Amino acid sequence: MLVRAVTIIPIEVVVRNIAAGSLCKRLGLELGMVLPRPIVEFYYKNDDLGDPLITTEHIEILNLASPHQVEGLKHHALVINGHLQQFFGQCRLNLVDFKLEFGVDNDGQMILADEISPDTCRLWDQNTDDPRDRVLDKDRFRQNLGQESAAYQEVLRRIVEST
């Protein structure tokens, strides 16, 4: 693992490919609806406020990031999404959505400063349509489905198998 010191940009960037979680609750979309294109959302990284959904205008008035940085966040998130969709697709997993955090290093370069794991991604098994069985991520805990460890081990097994 390569680690560099960064100043975290206090924005969580979420990329959504398939309707799930809060997107369904907020917009009334059907769980599992494949979106016509990826959606990028921004959330204010502030536990006291519950990490609320924010717009680019909110980012500007809160001075969380420059307009150039916001464009960079969106661009990098979509590029990462493309790579992750291909990678997880080879593992017979659908990348439903995921969260990223970025930071700025001492040279002013924006870099990914977060893990990518079943704790930060929604991953669904491509081999089943059963809503309870397809979940191979943190939603197993959130939805009280149990067998979290087995699900994470299955993701690891598929990654190792496909590489």
Protein backbone atom coordinates (compact mmCIF):
# COMPACT_ATOMS: atom_id res chain seq x y z
CA MET A 1 0.00 0.00 0.00
CA LEU A 2 1.33 3.41 -0.95
CA VAL A 3 0.57 6.02 1.70
CA ARG A 4 1.11 9.77 1.48
CA ALA A 5 0.17 12.56 3.85
CA VAL A 6 -2.79 14.57 2.58
CA THR A 7 -5.20 17.19 3.75
CA ILE A 8 -8.62 15.56 3.42
CA ILE A 9 -11.22 17.42 1.38
CA PRO A 10 -14.28 17.24 3.68
CA ILE A 11 -16.53 15.83 0.96
CA GLU A 12 -17.61 12.23 0.47
CA VAL A 13 -18.06 11.44 -3.21
CA VAL A 14 -20.64 8.75 -3.98
CA VAL A 15 -21.00 7.17 -7.42
CA ARG A 16 -24.22 5.29 -8.11
CA ASN A 17 -24.73 2.80 -10.97
CA ILE A 18 -27.82 0.97 -9.68
CA ALA A 19 -30.60 2.37 -7.47
CA ALA A 20 -30.19 1.31 -3.84
CA GLY A 21 -30.08 2.73 -0.33
CA SER A 22 -30.78 6.40 0.21
CA LEU A 23 -31.26 7.02 -3.53
CA CYS A 24 -34.34 4.80 -3.48
CA LYS A 25 -35.61 6.40 -0.27
CA ARG A 26 -35.09 9.99 -1.47
CA LEU A 27 -36.40 9.60 -5.01
CA GLY A 28 -38.75 6.62 -4.80
CA LEU A 29 -36.73 4.64 -7.32
CA GLU A 30 -37.16 0.89 -7.48
CA LEU A 31 -34.37 -1.04 -5.76
CA GLY A 32 -32.13 -2.55 -8.42
CA MET A 33 -33.04 -0.15 -11.24
CA VAL A 34 -29.99 0.19 -13.49
CA LEU A 35 -29.35 3.89 -13.92
CA PRO A 36 -28.96 5.20 -17.49
CA ARG A 37 -25.60 6.66 -16.50
CA PRO A 38 -23.59 6.89 -13.29
CA ILE A 39 -24.70 9.57 -10.84
CA VAL A 40 -22.11 11.44 -8.76
CA GLU A 41 -23.30 12.86 -5.43
CA PHE A 42 -21.48 14.92 -2.84
CA TYR A 43 -21.94 14.65 0.93
CA TYR A 44 -20.56 17.05 3.53
CA LYS A 45 -18.18 15.01 5.69
CA ASN A 46 -19.50 16.19 9.04
CA ASP A 47 -20.62 13.62 11.61
CA ASP A 48 -22.41 16.24 13.75
CA LEU A 49 -24.68 17.04 10.79
CA GLY A 50 -25.07 13.41 9.68
CA ASP A 51 -22.99 13.81 6.49
CA PRO A 52 -25.76 15.60 4.52
CA LEU A 53 -26.15 15.56 0.75
CA ILE A 54 -24.79 18.83 -0.67
CA THR A 55 -24.75 20.63 -4.01
CA THR A 56 -21.86 22.37 -5.72
CA GLU A 57 -23.35 25.64 -4.48
CA HIS A 58 -23.20 24.37 -0.88
CA ILE A 59 -19.58 23.36 -1.44
CA GLU A 60 -18.84 26.87 -2.65
CA ILE A 61 -20.52 28.75 0.21
CA LEU A 62 -18.96 26.43 2.81
CA ASN A 63 -15.57 26.84 1.07
CA LEU A 64 -15.02 23.07 1.14
CA ALA A 65 -13.31 22.90 -2.26
CA SER A 66 -12.62 25.12 -5.24
CA PRO A 67 -14.73 24.75 -8.43
CA HIS A 68 -11.65 23.21 -10.08
CA GLN A 69 -11.35 20.67 -7.26
CA VAL A 70 -15.06 19.83 -7.50
CA GLU A 71 -14.64 19.09 -11.20
CA GLY A 72 -11.60 16.98 -10.32
CA LEU A 73 -13.57 15.04 -7.70
CA LYS A 74 -16.29 14.23 -10.23
CA HIS A 75 -13.83 13.37 -13.00
CA HIS A 76 -11.69 11.10 -10.81
CA ALA A 77 -14.77 9.42 -9.33
CA LEU A 78 -16.14 8.56 -12.78
CA VAL A 79 -12.76 7.26 -14.00
CA ILE A 80 -12.45 5.11 -10.86
CA ASN A 81 -16.02 3.91 -11.42
CA GLY A 82 -15.13 2.70 -14.90
CA HIS A 83 -12.13 0.77 -13.60
CA LEU A 84 -14.05 -0.71 -10.66
CA GLN A 85 -17.03 -1.75 -12.80
CA GLN A 86 -14.68 -3.64 -15.13
CA PHE A 87 -12.70 -5.15 -12.25
CA PHE A 88 -15.70 -6.29 -10.23
CA GLY A 89 -17.46 -7.44 -13.41
CA GLN A 90 -14.60 -9.92 -13.94
CA CYS A 91 -15.35 -11.14 -10.41
CA ARG A 92 -19.04 -11.68 -11.30
CA LEU A 93 -20.05 -8.77 -9.05
CA ASN A 94 -22.20 -5.75 -9.87
CA LEU A 95 -20.85 -2.49 -8.50
CA VAL A 96 -24.05 -0.87 -7.28
CA ASP A 97 -22.48 2.22 -5.73
CA PHE A 98 -19.47 3.30 -3.68
CA LYS A 99 -18.02 6.13 -1.61
CA LEU A 100 -14.67 7.82 -2.08
CA GLU A 101 -12.71 10.44 -0.18
CA PHE A 102 -9.92 12.52 -1.64
CA GLY A 103 -7.12 14.60 -0.23
CA VAL A 104 -4.57 17.12 -1.41
CA ASP A 105 -0.89 16.33 -0.90
CA ASN A 106 1.94 18.78 -0.16
CA ASP A 107 2.40 19.37 -3.91
CA GLY A 108 -1.25 20.37 -4.32
CA GLN A 109 -2.13 17.16 -6.16
CA MET A 110 -5.56 15.64 -5.50
CA ILE A 111 -5.34 11.91 -4.76
CA LEU A 112 -7.64 9.15 -3.65
CA ALA A 113 -7.30 8.88 0.13
CA ASP A 114 -9.71 6.09 0.98
CA GLU A 115 -10.05 2.34 0.98
CA ILE A 116 -12.10 0.46 -1.59
CA SER A 117 -13.74 -2.50 0.12
CA PRO A 118 -17.13 -4.09 0.81
CA ASP A 119 -17.41 -1.48 3.59
CA THR A 120 -17.35 1.38 1.07
CA CYS A 121 -19.01 -0.34 -1.92
CA ARG A 122 -22.33 -2.03 -2.54
CA LEU A 123 -21.52 -5.25 -4.37
CA TRP A 124 -24.18 -7.65 -5.66
CA ASP A 125 -23.64 -11.20 -6.83
CA GLN A 126 -24.36 -11.41 -10.58
CA ASN A 127 -25.36 -15.07 -10.21
CA THR A 128 -28.57 -14.48 -8.22
CA ASP A 129 -31.57 -12.19 -8.29
CA ASP A 130 -32.59 -13.05 -4.72
CA PRO A 131 -32.32 -9.70 -2.90
CA ARG A 132 -31.11 -11.38 0.31
CA ASP A 133 -28.51 -13.62 -1.33
CA ARG A 134 -27.05 -11.13 -3.80
CA VAL A 135 -25.77 -8.70 -1.12
CA LEU A 136 -22.02 -9.17 -0.52
CA ASP A 137 -21.21 -5.96 1.36
CA LYS A 138 -21.91 -3.88 4.47
CA ASP A 139 -25.65 -3.99 3.73
CA ARG A 140 -25.62 -7.52 5.15
CA PHE A 141 -25.05 -5.82 8.52
CA ARG A 142 -27.31 -2.80 7.86
CA GLN A 143 -30.22 -5.05 6.81
CA ASN A 144 -29.57 -7.67 9.51
CA LEU A 145 -28.99 -10.39 6.88
CA GLY A 146 -26.15 -12.00 8.84
CA GLN A 147 -23.13 -13.88 7.46
CA GLU A 148 -21.14 -10.68 6.90
CA SER A 149 -17.81 -12.47 7.22
CA ALA A 150 -18.81 -15.14 4.70
CA ALA A 151 -19.92 -12.46 2.22
CA TYR A 152 -16.62 -10.57 2.54
CA GLN A 153 -14.70 -13.85 2.16
CA GLU A 154 -16.69 -14.57 -1.01
CA VAL A 155 -15.69 -11.19 -2.44
CA LEU A 156 -12.05 -11.92 -1.59
CA ARG A 157 -12.27 -15.42 -3.12
CA ARG A 158 -13.62 -14.01 -6.38
CA ILE A 159 -10.97 -11.31 -6.51
CA VAL A 160 -8.17 -13.81 -5.95
CA GLU A 161 -9.74 -16.21 -8.46
CA SER A 162 -10.03 -13.54 -11.17
CA THR A 163 -6.50 -12.14 -10.83
